[in-house]
């Protein structure tokens, strides 16, 4: 199981701008998703390392983290994102 990384549609980008914002400095930490998370990366760059490979994403990417995913986040440049659970 890996995150899905792609470019958002115009509609997805507009919807995401209404979601809450989260940011974090350069760091590495483990994370487990107990529900699906969808996010739009506003700035920065990170890698989600999973048992099935790595998923790299950055500013402008639309990322979907599936429920049940266990990964290690490696934030390479301070990240800011709009996000939605469920």
Protein backbone atom coordinates (compact mmCIF):
# COMPACT_ATOMS: atom_id res chain seq x y z
CA UNK A 1 0.00 0.00 0.00
CA UNK A 2 1.41 3.38 -1.07
CA UNK A 3 0.07 6.93 -1.24
CA UNK A 4 -1.28 8.04 -4.61
CA UNK A 5 0.48 11.19 -5.85
CA UNK A 6 -0.88 13.17 -8.81
CA UNK A 7 -1.72 16.67 -10.00
CA UNK A 8 -5.16 17.90 -8.89
CA UNK A 9 -7.95 18.96 -11.20
CA UNK A 10 -8.98 22.61 -11.03
CA UNK A 11 -12.10 21.58 -9.05
CA UNK A 12 -10.05 19.52 -6.56
CA UNK A 13 -7.62 22.42 -6.05
CA UNK A 14 -10.49 24.85 -5.33
CA UNK A 15 -12.15 22.43 -2.86
CA UNK A 16 -8.86 21.76 -1.07
CA UNK A 17 -8.28 25.48 -0.43
CA UNK A 18 -11.23 25.36 2.00
CA UNK A 19 -9.71 22.53 4.08
CA UNK A 20 -7.61 23.10 7.24
CA UNK A 21 -3.87 23.68 6.89
CA UNK A 22 -1.05 21.72 8.55
CA UNK A 23 2.66 22.48 8.49
CA UNK A 24 5.82 20.89 9.83
CA UNK A 25 9.51 21.63 9.75
CA UNK A 26 12.22 19.37 8.32
CA UNK A 27 11.98 16.10 10.27
CA UNK A 28 11.49 12.34 10.09
CA UNK A 29 8.74 10.48 11.96
CA UNK A 30 6.62 7.30 11.71
CA UNK A 31 2.90 7.65 10.95
CA UNK A 32 -0.10 5.34 10.63
CA UNK A 33 -3.37 6.32 8.91
CA UNK A 34 -6.46 5.09 10.76
CA UNK A 35 -8.59 6.73 8.07
CA UNK A 36 -8.01 7.99 4.53
CA UNK A 37 -6.35 11.40 4.22
CA UNK A 38 -6.45 13.54 1.09
CA UNK A 39 -4.21 16.56 0.85
CA UNK A 40 -2.97 19.30 -1.45
CA UNK A 41 0.67 20.24 -0.88
CA UNK A 42 1.01 24.03 -0.74
CA UNK A 43 4.77 24.19 -0.27
CA UNK A 44 7.74 22.01 0.59
CA UNK A 45 8.88 18.52 -0.27
CA UNK A 46 8.61 15.17 1.49
CA UNK A 47 8.85 11.41 1.02
CA UNK A 48 6.51 8.82 2.53
CA UNK A 49 8.54 5.64 2.93
CA UNK A 50 6.44 2.46 2.89
CA UNK A 51 7.14 -1.27 2.78
CA UNK A 52 6.10 -1.17 -0.90
CA UNK A 53 8.41 1.70 -1.85
CA UNK A 54 8.66 5.44 -1.51
CA UNK A 55 6.26 8.15 -2.65
CA UNK A 56 7.78 11.61 -3.09
CA UNK A 57 5.60 14.71 -3.29
CA UNK A 58 5.89 18.47 -3.23
CA UNK A 59 4.18 21.77 -3.89
CA UNK A 60 1.22 21.41 -6.25
CA UNK A 61 0.74 17.67 -5.69
CA UNK A 62 -2.54 16.05 -4.65
CA UNK A 63 -1.85 13.09 -2.36
CA UNK A 64 -4.20 10.38 -1.08
CA UNK A 65 -2.98 8.32 1.89
CA UNK A 66 -5.11 5.15 2.17
CA UNK A 67 -6.63 3.97 5.44
CA UNK A 68 -4.31 1.47 7.15
CA UNK A 69 -1.10 2.84 5.59
CA UNK A 70 1.98 2.69 7.81
CA UNK A 71 4.85 4.86 6.66
CA UNK A 72 7.73 7.06 7.70
CA UNK A 73 7.52 10.70 6.71
CA UNK A 74 10.80 12.34 5.73
CA UNK A 75 10.23 16.07 5.33
CA UNK A 76 13.05 17.51 3.22
CA UNK A 77 11.74 21.09 3.03
CA UNK A 78 9.21 22.57 5.47
CA UNK A 79 5.83 21.26 4.36
CA UNK A 80 2.46 23.02 4.31
CA UNK A 81 -0.66 21.27 3.13
CA UNK A 82 -4.44 21.48 3.05
CA UNK A 83 -5.89 18.22 4.31
CA UNK A 84 -9.13 16.30 4.79
CA UNK A 85 -9.76 13.00 6.59
CA UNK A 86 -12.35 10.46 5.57
